[in-house]
């Protein structure tokens, strides 16, 4: 896992970019390149994941599903229908719940978030707004830095002692963060912080008078009929058919650690949702359709997809949605890494085409890059990206090896 990179960026609002360019395909989203998708997944497995899969749905023809490798080290084939931990894809769900409260007039995103939290949660002079918290431009320190302490430490004794079984209260995680003080003037830069979304989960509970799990179930899971999505903190188990997640040991000579059963309280409303590829597809499709999708108004979706720059080229961030510029246009969604599980879930702006890619190993940047590189051939027309073409012309002996990563990996790969 990489640490968060801090860099100053402008605070002006950027206009959301359009969906993928369909002019060359008769108005339809570009087709996936199945051979290139499989090759990217195979590279992901070669990098250290037991298995990986990609599900591509354009909602016109049948879904395209490619799975390689194993769902567990017992040899069970990878299954794209099974459940898994989605990590920071959770942030999309949390953002929708907050935007629904904003539509109801129960929260003003441009007023200090502290006004919508239990008294004393944040210091009186912490003025960051709900919008800045959603955008990761709040200046709030990421409490997970304290729990993980250093890159990779969660793969060893510290994971067992602080992550797998320990139950953390949201207020305690926020207090852990507050002790570090404000990191910068709110709105002045982007710095990914899981504590932002823990705070938003607390605001949801404070304003609704119920649990985050109940709000998620009543406002998203049940209306959308998501059959495999749940939030079970502090339970450690994933019920039903599910993929086994493995944490890569810092000492690569040691075996992978089965991290499937773990307490998700340490990330909570920032990263503890369990779901499936089909449910993530349905959620993104309904979300990006706006009012016709039944989740949010068109105006709210426009706010979510209006993005500002991050330190990573071609990657920007809105309100709980990340935008990535591909060769065929900009796609919207999120990534998620939590011990043993990596997921990238993205869609075209109109919600008509979605891609969910997954691998069952973490603490391995090569696995992260392999999965991210799957997005380009999954979304865009057949044929390798420009970097790969350049490599082919210069080196005929390696026709399928890209000279550079096809898609940039976000600087904030932790969770």
Foldseek 3Di string as FASTA:
>chain_A
DFAWDWDWDDLDFFAFWAFFACPVPVNAFAAFAVVLLQVLQVLLVVLPFQKKKKWKFLPPDDIDIDIDGALDPVGHGDDQFAKAFFFQLLLLLLLLLVQVCVVVVNFDQQFALCVLAPPPLADPPQTAGNQLLLQQQRQFAALVCVQCVDQQSCQDPSVVVRWFQDADDLSVSSVSRCVVPRRDHRSGTHTDHLNSQSSSQRSSCSSVVHHSQVSSCPQPCVVLVQPQKGADAQFFARDDGHGFFWEQHPPNVDDTHGRSGGGPNSRHSRTRMMHGPVSLLSRLLLLLQAVVSPRHHNVSSSQQSRWTDHPWPQWTGGRSKIWGQAPRGIWIGDWRDDAQKTWDWIATSNSSMIMIMITGYDSRVSSVLSRQLSVRSRRHHDDDDPQLVVVCVVDVVCNSDGPDRNTDRDSHHHD
